[in-house]
Amino acid sequence: MIVFHSPKRPKPSPSPALPSGSPLPPPAMDVSAVHAALSDKSYSDLAPLCDELFLQAASRGAATDDWPYAVHLLAHLYLNDLNSARFLWKSLPQEVKDARPELAAVWRIGQCLWNRDYALVYTATQGFEWGPELADFVTAFLESYRKRIFQLLTSPYSTISVADVAHFMGMSEEDATNYAVQNGWSLDAATKMLTVKKPKVQTNQKLDASKLQRLTECVFHLEH
């Protein structure tokens, strides 16, 4: 009688154990809150959120390989906090900067803001193909930046040419004219000059109790 024996299956090799006394790998960072804020378009909350999470991760020795540096940097630019943006950029290792083109592209925007190259901000913003995580955020930044520049123009000017508004706003002359008129400015079509609508000055502002208390304490310390 012929007996067939089933072949022996090789035993799976055990997972290599860490040598005794070797350090454990650093824990991974949890960036779900950052992704949630991006999804909700809560852009104003991103900078303090990123700062807090990054500091927590650093204190725990967590690995930062997956940290969304470009989002973190753009979050400071969105709030026009250029000092924090420069500090973050300077603190990053060179290998991180070299390995992430999107991060470098965000920093080019920051450089234009720092140097007050208003027109180049639009060039830097629109001259890069942003990934899906940043595309909407960059669009929101650009809209916020345009509003800020437009408000700045109301201070030094009573009249300004359409060409200058288009330059500062990064728009065509037609789009700049429409934007200004929609915000209450008036156009002299013959001279292509816009008359600026000055914002109303609020004179009857009330201080809440906490602000009044802090103001009182400041005055007290100045006098003593």
N, C-alpha and C. Protein backbone atom coordinates (compact mmCIF):
# COMPACT_ATOMS: atom_id res chain seq x y z
N MET A 1 0.86 -1.19 0.00
CA MET A 1 0.00 0.00 0.00
C MET A 1 0.89 1.23 0.00
N ILE A 2 0.52 2.16 -0.88
CA ILE A 2 1.31 3.38 -0.99
C ILE A 2 0.71 4.44 -0.08
N VAL A 3 1.50 5.06 0.76
CA VAL A 3 1.04 6.12 1.68
C VAL A 3 1.61 7.44 1.22
N PHE A 4 0.72 8.41 1.03
CA PHE A 4 1.16 9.75 0.63
C PHE A 4 1.28 10.63 1.86
N HIS A 5 2.39 11.27 1.98
CA HIS A 5 2.61 12.19 3.10
C HIS A 5 2.47 13.63 2.61
N SER A 6 1.66 14.43 3.28
CA SER A 6 1.52 15.85 2.89
C SER A 6 2.81 16.58 3.18
N PRO A 7 3.22 17.42 2.28
CA PRO A 7 4.48 18.14 2.49
C PRO A 7 4.39 19.04 3.72
N LYS A 8 5.50 19.15 4.40
CA LYS A 8 5.53 20.01 5.59
C LYS A 8 5.56 21.48 5.19
N ARG A 9 4.68 22.25 5.81
CA ARG A 9 4.67 23.68 5.54
C ARG A 9 5.71 24.38 6.40
N PRO A 10 6.44 25.27 5.78
CA PRO A 10 7.45 25.98 6.58
C PRO A 10 6.79 26.85 7.64
N LYS A 11 7.35 26.84 8.79
CA LYS A 11 6.82 27.67 9.85
C LYS A 11 7.12 29.14 9.57
N PRO A 12 6.10 30.01 9.80
CA PRO A 12 6.37 31.44 9.58
C PRO A 12 7.45 31.94 10.51
N SER A 13 8.32 32.72 9.94
CA SER A 13 9.41 33.25 10.75
C SER A 13 8.88 34.29 11.71
N PRO A 14 9.30 34.25 12.92
CA PRO A 14 8.80 35.23 13.90
C PRO A 14 9.26 36.63 13.55
N SER A 15 8.44 37.61 13.94
CA SER A 15 8.80 39.00 13.71
C SER A 15 10.05 39.33 14.51
N PRO A 16 10.95 40.05 13.87
CA PRO A 16 12.19 40.37 14.59
C PRO A 16 11.90 41.20 15.82
N ALA A 17 12.41 40.76 16.90
CA ALA A 17 12.20 41.49 18.15
C ALA A 17 13.22 42.60 18.28
N LEU A 18 12.77 43.68 18.90
CA LEU A 18 13.70 44.78 19.14
C LEU A 18 14.74 44.34 20.16
N PRO A 19 15.98 44.69 19.94
CA PRO A 19 17.00 44.34 20.92
C PRO A 19 16.66 44.91 22.27
N SER A 20 17.03 44.20 23.29
CA SER A 20 16.75 44.66 24.65
C SER A 20 17.37 46.03 24.88
N GLY A 21 16.53 46.94 25.39
CA GLY A 21 17.02 48.28 25.69
C GLY A 21 17.00 49.24 24.52
N SER A 22 16.58 48.77 23.30
CA SER A 22 16.54 49.68 22.15
C SER A 22 15.32 50.58 22.26
N PRO A 23 15.40 51.83 21.78
CA PRO A 23 14.27 52.76 21.90
C PRO A 23 13.13 52.36 20.98
N LEU A 24 11.91 52.61 21.44
CA LEU A 24 10.73 52.34 20.62
C LEU A 24 10.65 53.38 19.51
N PRO A 25 10.06 53.00 18.36
CA PRO A 25 9.90 54.00 17.29
C PRO A 25 8.98 55.12 17.74
N PRO A 26 9.21 56.35 17.27
CA PRO A 26 8.37 57.47 17.71
C PRO A 26 6.93 57.28 17.27
N PRO A 27 5.96 57.71 18.08
CA PRO A 27 4.56 57.57 17.71
C PRO A 27 4.22 58.46 16.51
N ALA A 28 3.23 58.02 15.74
CA ALA A 28 2.81 58.80 14.58
C ALA A 28 1.99 60.00 15.03
N MET A 29 2.02 61.06 14.23
CA MET A 29 1.26 62.26 14.55
C MET A 29 -0.20 62.08 14.09
N ASP A 30 -1.11 62.61 14.86
CA ASP A 30 -2.52 62.59 14.50
C ASP A 30 -2.88 63.95 13.91
N VAL A 31 -3.08 63.98 12.60
CA VAL A 31 -3.39 65.25 11.92
C VAL A 31 -4.84 65.30 11.48
N SER A 32 -5.68 64.44 12.05
CA SER A 32 -7.09 64.40 11.64
C SER A 32 -7.80 65.72 11.90
N ALA A 33 -7.42 66.41 12.98
CA ALA A 33 -8.06 67.70 13.29
C ALA A 33 -7.73 68.75 12.23
N VAL A 34 -6.52 68.69 11.68
CA VAL A 34 -6.13 69.61 10.62
C VAL A 34 -6.94 69.34 9.35
N HIS A 35 -7.08 68.06 9.00
CA HIS A 35 -7.86 67.71 7.83
C HIS A 35 -9.34 68.10 8.01
N ALA A 36 -9.85 67.96 9.24
CA ALA A 36 -11.24 68.33 9.50
C ALA A 36 -11.44 69.84 9.33
N ALA A 37 -10.49 70.62 9.82
CA ALA A 37 -10.60 72.08 9.67
C ALA A 37 -10.53 72.49 8.21
N LEU A 38 -9.68 71.84 7.43
CA LEU A 38 -9.62 72.11 6.00
C LEU A 38 -10.93 71.75 5.32
N SER A 39 -11.49 70.60 5.68
CA SER A 39 -12.74 70.16 5.08
C SER A 39 -13.89 71.10 5.42
N ASP A 40 -13.87 71.63 6.65
CA ASP A 40 -14.92 72.56 7.08
C ASP A 40 -14.66 73.99 6.62
N LYS A 41 -13.50 74.21 5.97
CA LYS A 41 -13.09 75.55 5.54
C LYS A 41 -12.95 76.51 6.72
N SER A 42 -12.53 75.97 7.86
CA SER A 42 -12.30 76.80 9.05
C SER A 42 -10.86 77.30 9.01
N TYR A 43 -10.57 78.11 8.00
CA TYR A 43 -9.19 78.50 7.73
C TYR A 43 -8.60 79.38 8.82
N SER A 44 -9.41 80.20 9.45
CA SER A 44 -8.89 81.09 10.49
C SER A 44 -8.44 80.32 11.73
N ASP A 45 -8.95 79.10 11.89
CA ASP A 45 -8.60 78.30 13.07
C ASP A 45 -7.34 77.46 12.86
N LEU A 46 -6.87 77.39 11.62
CA LEU A 46 -5.80 76.45 11.31
C LEU A 46 -4.46 76.79 11.95
N ALA A 47 -4.08 78.07 11.94
CA ALA A 47 -2.77 78.44 12.48
C ALA A 47 -2.62 78.07 13.95
N PRO A 48 -3.54 78.51 14.83
CA PRO A 48 -3.38 78.12 16.24
C PRO A 48 -3.50 76.61 16.45
N LEU A 49 -4.35 75.96 15.64
CA LEU A 49 -4.49 74.51 15.75
C LEU A 49 -3.19 73.80 15.38
N CYS A 50 -2.60 74.20 14.27
CA CYS A 50 -1.34 73.59 13.83
C CYS A 50 -0.23 73.85 14.83
N ASP A 51 -0.15 75.07 15.34
CA ASP A 51 0.88 75.39 16.33
C ASP A 51 0.76 74.49 17.55
N GLU A 52 -0.47 74.34 18.04
CA GLU A 52 -0.68 73.55 19.25
C GLU A 52 -0.35 72.07 19.02
N LEU A 53 -0.84 71.52 17.91
CA LEU A 53 -0.59 70.11 17.63
C LEU A 53 0.89 69.84 17.39
N PHE A 54 1.55 70.77 16.72
CA PHE A 54 2.97 70.59 16.42
C PHE A 54 3.80 70.62 17.71
N LEU A 55 3.45 71.51 18.62
CA LEU A 55 4.17 71.59 19.89
C LEU A 55 3.92 70.34 20.74
N GLN A 56 2.67 69.85 20.70
CA GLN A 56 2.36 68.63 21.43
C GLN A 56 3.17 67.45 20.89
N ALA A 57 3.24 67.37 19.56
CA ALA A 57 3.98 66.28 18.93
C ALA A 57 5.47 66.36 19.29
N ALA A 58 6.00 67.58 19.28
CA ALA A 58 7.41 67.75 19.61
C ALA A 58 7.70 67.33 21.06
N SER A 59 6.77 67.65 21.95
CA SER A 59 6.98 67.29 23.36
C SER A 59 6.92 65.79 23.57
N ARG A 60 6.17 65.06 22.71
CA ARG A 60 6.07 63.60 22.82
C ARG A 60 7.11 62.89 21.98
N GLY A 61 7.88 63.66 21.21
CA GLY A 61 8.87 63.04 20.34
C GLY A 61 8.26 62.30 19.18
N ALA A 62 7.08 62.74 18.72
CA ALA A 62 6.39 62.07 17.62
C ALA A 62 7.11 62.33 16.30
N ALA A 63 6.98 61.38 15.38
CA ALA A 63 7.56 61.55 14.05
C ALA A 63 6.78 62.60 13.28
N THR A 64 7.49 63.47 12.59
CA THR A 64 6.84 64.57 11.86
C THR A 64 6.90 64.38 10.34
N ASP A 65 7.15 63.16 9.89
CA ASP A 65 7.27 62.91 8.46
C ASP A 65 5.99 63.25 7.71
N ASP A 66 4.83 63.03 8.35
CA ASP A 66 3.55 63.24 7.69
C ASP A 66 2.92 64.59 8.05
N TRP A 67 3.68 65.45 8.69
CA TRP A 67 3.10 66.73 9.11
C TRP A 67 2.84 67.61 7.88
N PRO A 68 1.64 68.24 7.79
CA PRO A 68 1.30 69.08 6.63
C PRO A 68 1.94 70.47 6.74
N TYR A 69 3.24 70.52 6.48
CA TYR A 69 3.97 71.77 6.64
C TYR A 69 3.43 72.89 5.76
N ALA A 70 3.03 72.57 4.53
CA ALA A 70 2.53 73.60 3.62
C ALA A 70 1.24 74.22 4.16
N VAL A 71 0.36 73.39 4.70
CA VAL A 71 -0.88 73.88 5.31
C VAL A 71 -0.54 74.78 6.51
N HIS A 72 0.39 74.33 7.33
CA HIS A 72 0.78 75.09 8.52
C HIS A 72 1.32 76.47 8.13
N LEU A 73 2.18 76.50 7.13
CA LEU A 73 2.77 77.77 6.69
C LEU A 73 1.72 78.69 6.08
N LEU A 74 0.86 78.14 5.23
CA LEU A 74 -0.18 78.95 4.60
C LEU A 74 -1.17 79.48 5.62
N ALA A 75 -1.39 78.72 6.69
CA ALA A 75 -2.32 79.16 7.73
C ALA A 75 -1.86 80.46 8.37
N HIS A 76 -0.54 80.61 8.56
CA HIS A 76 -0.02 81.87 9.10
C HIS A 76 -0.15 83.00 8.08
N LEU A 77 0.08 82.70 6.81
CA LEU A 77 -0.06 83.72 5.78
C LEU A 77 -1.52 84.16 5.65
N TYR A 78 -2.43 83.24 5.83
CA TYR A 78 -3.86 83.56 5.74
C TYR A 78 -4.24 84.60 6.78
N LEU A 79 -3.62 84.51 7.96
CA LEU A 79 -3.89 85.48 9.03
C LEU A 79 -3.00 86.71 8.92
N ASN A 80 -2.17 86.76 7.87
CA ASN A 80 -1.22 87.85 7.67
C ASN A 80 -0.22 87.93 8.83
N ASP A 81 0.09 86.78 9.42
CA ASP A 81 1.07 86.71 10.50
C ASP A 81 2.41 86.32 9.89
N LEU A 82 3.08 87.32 9.32
CA LEU A 82 4.31 87.05 8.58
C LEU A 82 5.46 86.66 9.50
N ASN A 83 5.49 87.19 10.70
CA ASN A 83 6.57 86.84 11.62
C ASN A 83 6.53 85.35 11.98
N SER A 84 5.34 84.84 12.26
CA SER A 84 5.21 83.42 12.58
C SER A 84 5.54 82.56 11.37
N ALA A 85 5.15 83.02 10.18
CA ALA A 85 5.45 82.27 8.97
C ALA A 85 6.96 82.18 8.74
N ARG A 86 7.66 83.30 8.91
CA ARG A 86 9.12 83.29 8.73
C ARG A 86 9.80 82.42 9.77
N PHE A 87 9.31 82.47 11.01
CA PHE A 87 9.90 81.65 12.06
C PHE A 87 9.73 80.17 11.76
N LEU A 88 8.53 79.79 11.30
CA LEU A 88 8.28 78.39 10.96
C LEU A 88 9.19 77.94 9.83
N TRP A 89 9.29 78.76 8.78
CA TRP A 89 10.12 78.39 7.63
C TRP A 89 11.59 78.23 8.04
N LYS A 90 12.09 79.15 8.83
CA LYS A 90 13.50 79.10 9.23
C LYS A 90 13.79 77.91 10.15
N SER A 91 12.78 77.45 10.86
CA SER A 91 12.99 76.36 11.81
C SER A 91 12.95 74.98 11.14
N LEU A 92 12.52 74.93 9.88
CA LEU A 92 12.38 73.63 9.21
C LEU A 92 13.74 73.14 8.71
N PRO A 93 13.99 71.84 8.80
CA PRO A 93 15.24 71.29 8.25
C PRO A 93 15.30 71.49 6.74
N GLN A 94 16.49 71.66 6.22
CA GLN A 94 16.65 71.91 4.79
C GLN A 94 16.14 70.74 3.96
N GLU A 95 16.29 69.52 4.47
CA GLU A 95 15.83 68.37 3.69
C GLU A 95 14.30 68.36 3.54
N VAL A 96 13.60 68.91 4.53
CA VAL A 96 12.14 69.03 4.41
C VAL A 96 11.78 70.05 3.33
N LYS A 97 12.47 71.18 3.32
CA LYS A 97 12.21 72.20 2.32
C LYS A 97 12.49 71.68 0.91
N ASP A 98 13.59 70.93 0.77
CA ASP A 98 13.98 70.44 -0.55
C ASP A 98 13.04 69.36 -1.07
N ALA A 99 12.44 68.60 -0.15
CA ALA A 99 11.64 67.44 -0.56
C ALA A 99 10.18 67.79 -0.81
N ARG A 100 9.76 69.01 -0.52
CA ARG A 100 8.34 69.36 -0.63
C ARG A 100 8.17 70.61 -1.49
N PRO A 101 7.96 70.43 -2.80
CA PRO A 101 7.80 71.59 -3.70
C PRO A 101 6.61 72.48 -3.33
N GLU A 102 5.54 71.89 -2.82
CA GLU A 102 4.37 72.68 -2.46
C GLU A 102 4.67 73.60 -1.29
N LEU A 103 5.45 73.10 -0.35
CA LEU A 103 5.87 73.93 0.78
C LEU A 103 6.71 75.10 0.30
N ALA A 104 7.65 74.84 -0.61
CA ALA A 104 8.48 75.92 -1.17
C ALA A 104 7.62 76.93 -1.93
N ALA A 105 6.57 76.45 -2.60
CA ALA A 105 5.68 77.36 -3.34
C ALA A 105 4.91 78.27 -2.39
N VAL A 106 4.50 77.73 -1.25
CA VAL A 106 3.83 78.57 -0.25
C VAL A 106 4.79 79.62 0.28
N TRP A 107 6.04 79.24 0.49
CA TRP A 107 7.01 80.20 1.00
C TRP A 107 7.28 81.31 -0.01
N ARG A 108 7.20 81.02 -1.30
CA ARG A 108 7.37 82.08 -2.30
C ARG A 108 6.28 83.14 -2.14
N ILE A 109 5.08 82.71 -1.80
CA ILE A 109 4.02 83.67 -1.50
C ILE A 109 4.41 84.50 -0.28
N GLY A 110 4.93 83.82 0.74
CA GLY A 110 5.35 84.53 1.94
C GLY A 110 6.44 85.55 1.68
N GLN A 111 7.38 85.21 0.82
CA GLN A 111 8.44 86.16 0.48
C GLN A 111 7.87 87.40 -0.20
N CYS A 112 6.92 87.21 -1.09
CA CYS A 112 6.30 88.35 -1.77
C CYS A 112 5.56 89.24 -0.78
N LEU A 113 4.88 88.63 0.17
CA LEU A 113 4.18 89.41 1.20
C LEU A 113 5.17 90.19 2.06
N TRP A 114 6.26 89.52 2.43
CA TRP A 114 7.26 90.17 3.29
C TRP A 114 7.90 91.36 2.58
N ASN A 115 8.15 91.20 1.29
CA ASN A 115 8.79 92.27 0.51
C ASN A 115 7.79 93.27 -0.06
N ARG A 116 6.52 93.07 0.24
CA ARG A 116 5.44 93.95 -0.24
C ARG A 116 5.40 94.03 -1.76
N ASP A 117 5.69 92.92 -2.39
CA ASP A 117 5.55 92.82 -3.85
C ASP A 117 4.12 92.37 -4.16
N TYR A 118 3.21 93.35 -4.11
CA TYR A 118 1.79 93.03 -4.14
C TYR A 118 1.39 92.24 -5.40
N ALA A 119 1.87 92.69 -6.55
CA ALA A 119 1.50 92.01 -7.79
C ALA A 119 2.07 90.61 -7.86
N LEU A 120 3.29 90.42 -7.31
CA LEU A 120 3.93 89.11 -7.38
C LEU A 120 3.25 88.09 -6.48
N VAL A 121 2.47 88.54 -5.50
CA VAL A 121 1.71 87.60 -4.68
C VAL A 121 0.77 86.79 -5.56
N TYR A 122 0.12 87.47 -6.50
CA TYR A 122 -0.82 86.78 -7.38
C TYR A 122 -0.08 85.83 -8.32
N THR A 123 1.08 86.27 -8.79
CA THR A 123 1.88 85.41 -9.67
C THR A 123 2.30 84.15 -8.95
N ALA A 124 2.77 84.30 -7.70
CA ALA A 124 3.22 83.15 -6.92
C ALA A 124 2.05 82.22 -6.58
N THR A 125 0.89 82.81 -6.33
CA THR A 125 -0.27 82.01 -5.96
C THR A 125 -0.82 81.23 -7.14
N GLN A 126 -0.85 81.88 -8.30
CA GLN A 126 -1.48 81.27 -9.47
C GLN A 126 -0.49 80.51 -10.35
N GLY A 127 0.80 80.58 -10.01
CA GLY A 127 1.81 79.96 -10.86
C GLY A 127 2.24 78.58 -10.42
N PHE A 128 1.45 77.94 -9.56
CA PHE A 128 1.79 76.61 -9.09
C PHE A 128 0.54 75.74 -9.13
N GLU A 129 0.70 74.48 -9.49
CA GLU A 129 -0.43 73.55 -9.53
C GLU A 129 -0.59 72.91 -8.15
N TRP A 130 -1.51 73.45 -7.37
CA TRP A 130 -1.68 73.02 -5.98
C TRP A 130 -2.40 71.69 -5.92
N GLY A 131 -2.04 70.90 -4.92
CA GLY A 131 -2.68 69.62 -4.70
C GLY A 131 -4.08 69.79 -4.14
N PRO A 132 -4.87 68.71 -4.11
CA PRO A 132 -6.26 68.81 -3.66
C PRO A 132 -6.41 69.29 -2.22
N GLU A 133 -5.43 69.00 -1.37
CA GLU A 133 -5.53 69.43 0.02
C GLU A 133 -5.41 70.94 0.17
N LEU A 134 -4.63 71.58 -0.71
CA LEU A 134 -4.35 73.00 -0.57
C LEU A 134 -5.12 73.89 -1.54
N ALA A 135 -5.67 73.35 -2.62
CA ALA A 135 -6.23 74.17 -3.69
C ALA A 135 -7.30 75.14 -3.18
N ASP A 136 -8.28 74.63 -2.42
CA ASP A 136 -9.34 75.51 -1.91
C ASP A 136 -8.80 76.51 -0.89
N PHE A 137 -7.83 76.08 -0.10
CA PHE A 137 -7.23 76.96 0.91
C PHE A 137 -6.50 78.11 0.23
N VAL A 138 -5.77 77.83 -0.84
CA VAL A 138 -5.06 78.88 -1.58
C VAL A 138 -6.05 79.86 -2.19
N THR A 139 -7.16 79.34 -2.73
CA THR A 139 -8.20 80.21 -3.30
C THR A 139 -8.76 81.13 -2.22
N ALA A 140 -9.02 80.57 -1.04
CA ALA A 140 -9.55 81.37 0.07
C ALA A 140 -8.54 82.41 0.52
N PHE A 141 -7.27 82.03 0.56
CA PHE A 141 -6.21 83.00 0.90
C PHE A 141 -6.21 84.16 -0.08
N LEU A 142 -6.32 83.85 -1.38
CA LEU A 142 -6.26 84.89 -2.40
C LEU A 142 -7.45 85.84 -2.27
N GLU A 143 -8.62 85.31 -1.99
CA GLU A 143 -9.80 86.16 -1.79
C GLU A 143 -9.63 87.06 -0.58
N SER A 144 -9.11 86.48 0.50
CA SER A 144 -8.88 87.26 1.72
C SER A 144 -7.83 88.34 1.48
N TYR A 145 -6.79 87.99 0.75
CA TYR A 145 -5.72 88.94 0.46
C TYR A 145 -6.24 90.11 -0.38
N ARG A 146 -7.06 89.81 -1.38
CA ARG A 146 -7.63 90.87 -2.21
C ARG A 146 -8.49 91.83 -1.38
N LYS A 147 -9.28 91.28 -0.49
CA LYS A 147 -10.11 92.13 0.37
C LYS A 147 -9.23 93.04 1.23
N ARG A 148 -8.15 92.48 1.75
CA ARG A 148 -7.25 93.26 2.61
C ARG A 148 -6.58 94.37 1.82
N ILE A 149 -6.12 94.07 0.60
CA ILE A 149 -5.49 95.09 -0.23
C ILE A 149 -6.50 96.16 -0.61
N PHE A 150 -7.71 95.75 -0.93
CA PHE A 150 -8.74 96.72 -1.30
C PHE A 150 -9.03 97.67 -0.14
N GLN A 151 -9.09 97.14 1.07
CA GLN A 151 -9.32 97.99 2.24
C GLN A 151 -8.15 98.94 2.48
N LEU A 152 -6.94 98.47 2.21
CA LEU A 152 -5.77 99.33 2.37
C LEU A 152 -5.79 100.51 1.39
N LEU A 153 -6.35 100.28 0.21
CA LEU A 153 -6.39 101.34 -0.79
C LEU A 153 -7.32 102.48 -0.39
N THR A 154 -8.26 102.22 0.52
CA THR A 154 -9.21 103.26 0.90
C THR A 154 -8.56 104.32 1.80
N SER A 155 -7.42 103.98 2.42
CA SER A 155 -6.81 104.92 3.36
C SER A 155 -6.03 106.04 2.67
N PRO A 156 -5.06 105.75 1.79
CA PRO A 156 -4.24 106.84 1.24
C PRO A 156 -4.87 107.54 0.05
N TYR A 157 -5.89 106.95 -0.56
CA TYR A 157 -6.41 107.51 -1.82
C TYR A 157 -7.84 108.03 -1.64
N SER A 158 -8.11 109.14 -2.34
CA SER A 158 -9.50 109.58 -2.52
C SER A 158 -9.96 109.25 -3.93
N THR A 159 -9.00 109.31 -4.88
CA THR A 159 -9.23 108.84 -6.24
C THR A 159 -8.00 108.03 -6.67
N ILE A 160 -8.22 107.06 -7.53
CA ILE A 160 -7.14 106.21 -7.99
C ILE A 160 -7.51 105.69 -9.37
N SER A 161 -6.51 105.49 -10.20
CA SER A 161 -6.77 105.04 -11.56
C SER A 161 -7.18 103.58 -11.58
N VAL A 162 -7.95 103.23 -12.59
CA VAL A 162 -8.36 101.84 -12.77
C VAL A 162 -7.14 100.94 -12.94
N ALA A 163 -6.14 101.44 -13.66
CA ALA A 163 -4.93 100.65 -13.91
C ALA A 163 -4.21 100.32 -12.61
N ASP A 164 -4.14 101.29 -11.69
CA ASP A 164 -3.47 101.04 -10.42
C ASP A 164 -4.24 100.03 -9.57
N VAL A 165 -5.55 100.15 -9.55
CA VAL A 165 -6.36 99.19 -8.79
C VAL A 165 -6.16 97.79 -9.35
N ALA A 166 -6.16 97.68 -10.67
CA ALA A 166 -5.95 96.38 -11.31
C ALA A 166 -4.59 95.80 -10.93
N HIS A 167 -3.59 96.66 -10.86
CA HIS A 167 -2.24 96.21 -10.49
C HIS A 167 -2.21 95.68 -9.06
N PHE A 168 -2.77 96.45 -8.12
CA PHE A 168 -2.74 96.04 -6.72
C PHE A 168 -3.62 94.83 -6.44
N MET A 169 -4.69 94.68 -7.23
CA MET A 169 -5.64 93.60 -6.98
C MET A 169 -5.34 92.35 -7.80
N GLY A 170 -4.37 92.42 -8.71
CA GLY A 170 -4.05 91.26 -9.52
C GLY A 170 -5.18 90.86 -10.44
N MET A 171 -5.87 91.85 -11.01
CA MET A 171 -7.03 91.61 -11.87
C MET A 171 -6.87 92.33 -13.19
N SER A 172 -7.74 92.00 -14.13
CA SER A 172 -7.85 92.82 -15.34
C SER A 172 -8.51 94.14 -14.96
N GLU A 173 -8.39 95.13 -15.80
CA GLU A 173 -8.99 96.43 -15.50
C GLU A 173 -10.51 96.32 -15.42
N GLU A 174 -11.08 95.49 -16.26
CA GLU A 174 -12.53 95.32 -16.22
C GLU A 174 -12.98 94.69 -14.90
N ASP A 175 -12.27 93.64 -14.50
CA ASP A 175 -12.64 92.97 -13.24
C ASP A 175 -12.39 93.87 -12.04
N ALA A 176 -11.30 94.63 -12.08
CA ALA A 176 -11.00 95.54 -10.98
C ALA A 176 -12.06 96.63 -10.87
N THR A 177 -12.50 97.14 -12.01
CA THR A 177 -13.54 98.17 -12.02
C THR A 177 -14.84 97.61 -11.44
N ASN A 178 -15.22 96.43 -11.87
CA ASN A 178 -16.45 95.81 -11.37
C ASN A 178 -16.36 95.57 -9.87
N TYR A 179 -15.21 95.11 -9.41
CA TYR A 179 -15.02 94.84 -7.98
C TYR A 179 -15.17 96.13 -7.18
N ALA A 180 -14.55 97.20 -7.67
CA ALA A 180 -14.60 98.49 -6.95
C ALA A 180 -16.01 99.06 -6.94
N VAL A 181 -16.70 99.02 -8.06
CA VAL A 181 -18.05 99.56 -8.15
C VAL A 181 -19.01 98.77 -7.26
N GLN A 182 -18.84 97.45 -7.23
CA GLN A 182 -19.68 96.63 -6.37
C GLN A 182 -19.48 96.93 -4.90
N ASN A 183 -18.32 97.51 -4.57
CA ASN A 183 -18.04 97.87 -3.19
C ASN A 183 -18.25 99.37 -2.92
N GLY A 184 -19.00 100.02 -3.79
CA GLY A 184 -19.42 101.38 -3.52
C GLY A 184 -18.58 102.48 -4.11
N TRP A 185 -17.49 102.13 -4.83
CA TRP A 185 -16.71 103.17 -5.49
C TRP A 185 -17.42 103.61 -6.76
N SER A 186 -17.08 104.81 -7.22
CA SER A 186 -17.70 105.31 -8.45
C SER A 186 -16.64 105.51 -9.53
N LEU A 187 -17.06 105.34 -10.77
CA LEU A 187 -16.13 105.38 -11.91
C LEU A 187 -16.39 106.59 -12.77
N ASP A 188 -15.33 107.28 -13.14
CA ASP A 188 -15.38 108.30 -14.19
C ASP A 188 -14.84 107.63 -15.45
N ALA A 189 -15.76 107.23 -16.32
CA ALA A 189 -15.38 106.45 -17.49
C ALA A 189 -14.47 107.23 -18.43
N ALA A 190 -14.64 108.56 -18.47
CA ALA A 190 -13.84 109.37 -19.39
C ALA A 190 -12.36 109.37 -18.99
N THR A 191 -12.09 109.49 -17.70
CA THR A 191 -10.70 109.55 -17.23
C THR A 191 -10.20 108.21 -16.70
N LYS A 192 -11.10 107.23 -16.59
CA LYS A 192 -10.78 105.92 -16.04
C LYS A 192 -10.19 106.06 -14.64
N MET A 193 -10.85 106.94 -13.87
CA MET A 193 -10.47 107.15 -12.48
C MET A 193 -11.62 106.68 -11.58
N LEU A 194 -11.25 106.09 -10.45
CA LEU A 194 -12.23 105.62 -9.47
C LEU A 194 -12.20 106.53 -8.25
N THR A 195 -13.38 106.90 -7.77
CA THR A 195 -13.49 107.65 -6.54
C THR A 195 -13.71 106.69 -5.40
N VAL A 196 -12.85 106.78 -4.40
CA VAL A 196 -12.85 105.82 -3.29
C VAL A 196 -13.98 106.15 -2.32
N LYS A 197 -14.68 105.11 -1.89
CA LYS A 197 -15.68 105.28 -0.84
C LYS A 197 -15.01 105.02 0.50
N LYS A 198 -14.91 106.06 1.30
CA LYS A 198 -14.25 105.92 2.60
C LYS A 198 -15.15 105.17 3.58
N PRO A 199 -14.57 104.29 4.40
CA PRO A 199 -15.39 103.59 5.40
C PRO A 199 -15.87 104.56 6.46
N LYS A 200 -17.03 104.26 7.02
CA LYS A 200 -17.57 105.09 8.08
C LYS A 200 -16.73 104.94 9.34
N VAL A 201 -16.48 106.09 9.98
CA VAL A 201 -15.71 106.07 11.21
C VAL A 201 -16.65 105.82 12.38
N GLN A 202 -16.38 104.78 13.15
CA GLN A 202 -17.21 104.47 14.31
C GLN A 202 -16.70 105.26 15.52
N THR A 203 -17.57 106.11 16.03
CA THR A 203 -17.16 106.99 17.13
C THR A 203 -17.72 106.55 18.47
N ASN A 204 -18.84 105.86 18.46
CA ASN A 204 -19.49 105.49 19.73
C ASN A 204 -19.27 104.02 20.04
N GLN A 205 -18.00 103.64 20.15
CA GLN A 205 -17.69 102.26 20.49
C GLN A 205 -17.70 102.08 22.00
N LYS A 206 -18.28 100.98 22.44
CA LYS A 206 -18.37 100.70 23.86
C LYS A 206 -17.36 99.62 24.24
N LEU A 207 -16.73 99.82 25.37
CA LEU A 207 -15.81 98.82 25.89
C LEU A 207 -16.56 97.89 26.83
N ASP A 208 -16.34 96.59 26.67
CA ASP A 208 -16.94 95.67 27.63
C ASP A 208 -16.15 95.74 28.94
N ALA A 209 -16.68 95.10 29.96
CA ALA A 209 -16.10 95.23 31.30
C ALA A 209 -14.68 94.70 31.36
N SER A 210 -14.40 93.57 30.69
CA SER A 210 -13.06 93.00 30.75
C SER A 210 -12.04 93.89 30.07
N LYS A 211 -12.42 94.48 28.92
CA LYS A 211 -11.52 95.38 28.22
C LYS A 211 -11.27 96.64 29.04
N LEU A 212 -12.31 97.14 29.68
CA LEU A 212 -12.17 98.32 30.51
C LEU A 212 -11.23 98.03 31.69
N GLN A 213 -11.34 96.83 32.27
CA GLN A 213 -10.48 96.45 33.39
C GLN A 213 -9.03 96.39 32.96
N ARG A 214 -8.77 95.78 31.78
CA ARG A 214 -7.40 95.68 31.28
C ARG A 214 -6.83 97.06 30.97
N LEU A 215 -7.66 97.94 30.40
CA LEU A 215 -7.21 99.30 30.10
C LEU A 215 -6.85 100.04 31.39
N THR A 216 -7.67 99.86 32.42
CA THR A 216 -7.40 100.49 33.70
C THR A 216 -6.08 100.01 34.30
N GLU A 217 -5.84 98.68 34.19
CA GLU A 217 -4.60 98.13 34.72
C GLU A 217 -3.38 98.66 33.96
N CYS A 218 -3.52 98.80 32.64
CA CYS A 218 -2.41 99.34 31.86
C CYS A 218 -2.08 100.76 32.26
N VAL A 219 -3.12 101.57 32.43
CA VAL A 219 -2.92 102.97 32.83
C VAL A 219 -2.28 103.03 34.22
N PHE A 220 -2.73 102.13 35.11
CA PHE A 220 -2.18 102.11 36.47
C PHE A 220 -0.67 101.82 36.44
N HIS A 221 -0.27 100.81 35.62
CA HIS A 221 1.14 100.45 35.57
C HIS A 221 1.97 101.55 34.90
N LEU A 222 1.38 102.27 33.98
CA LEU A 222 2.12 103.36 33.33
C LEU A 222 2.35 104.52 34.30
N GLU A 223 1.41 104.71 35.20
CA GLU A 223 1.51 105.85 36.12
C GLU A 223 2.35 105.54 37.35
N HIS A 224 2.66 104.26 37.58
CA HIS A 224 3.40 103.91 38.79
C HIS A 224 4.71 103.23 38.42
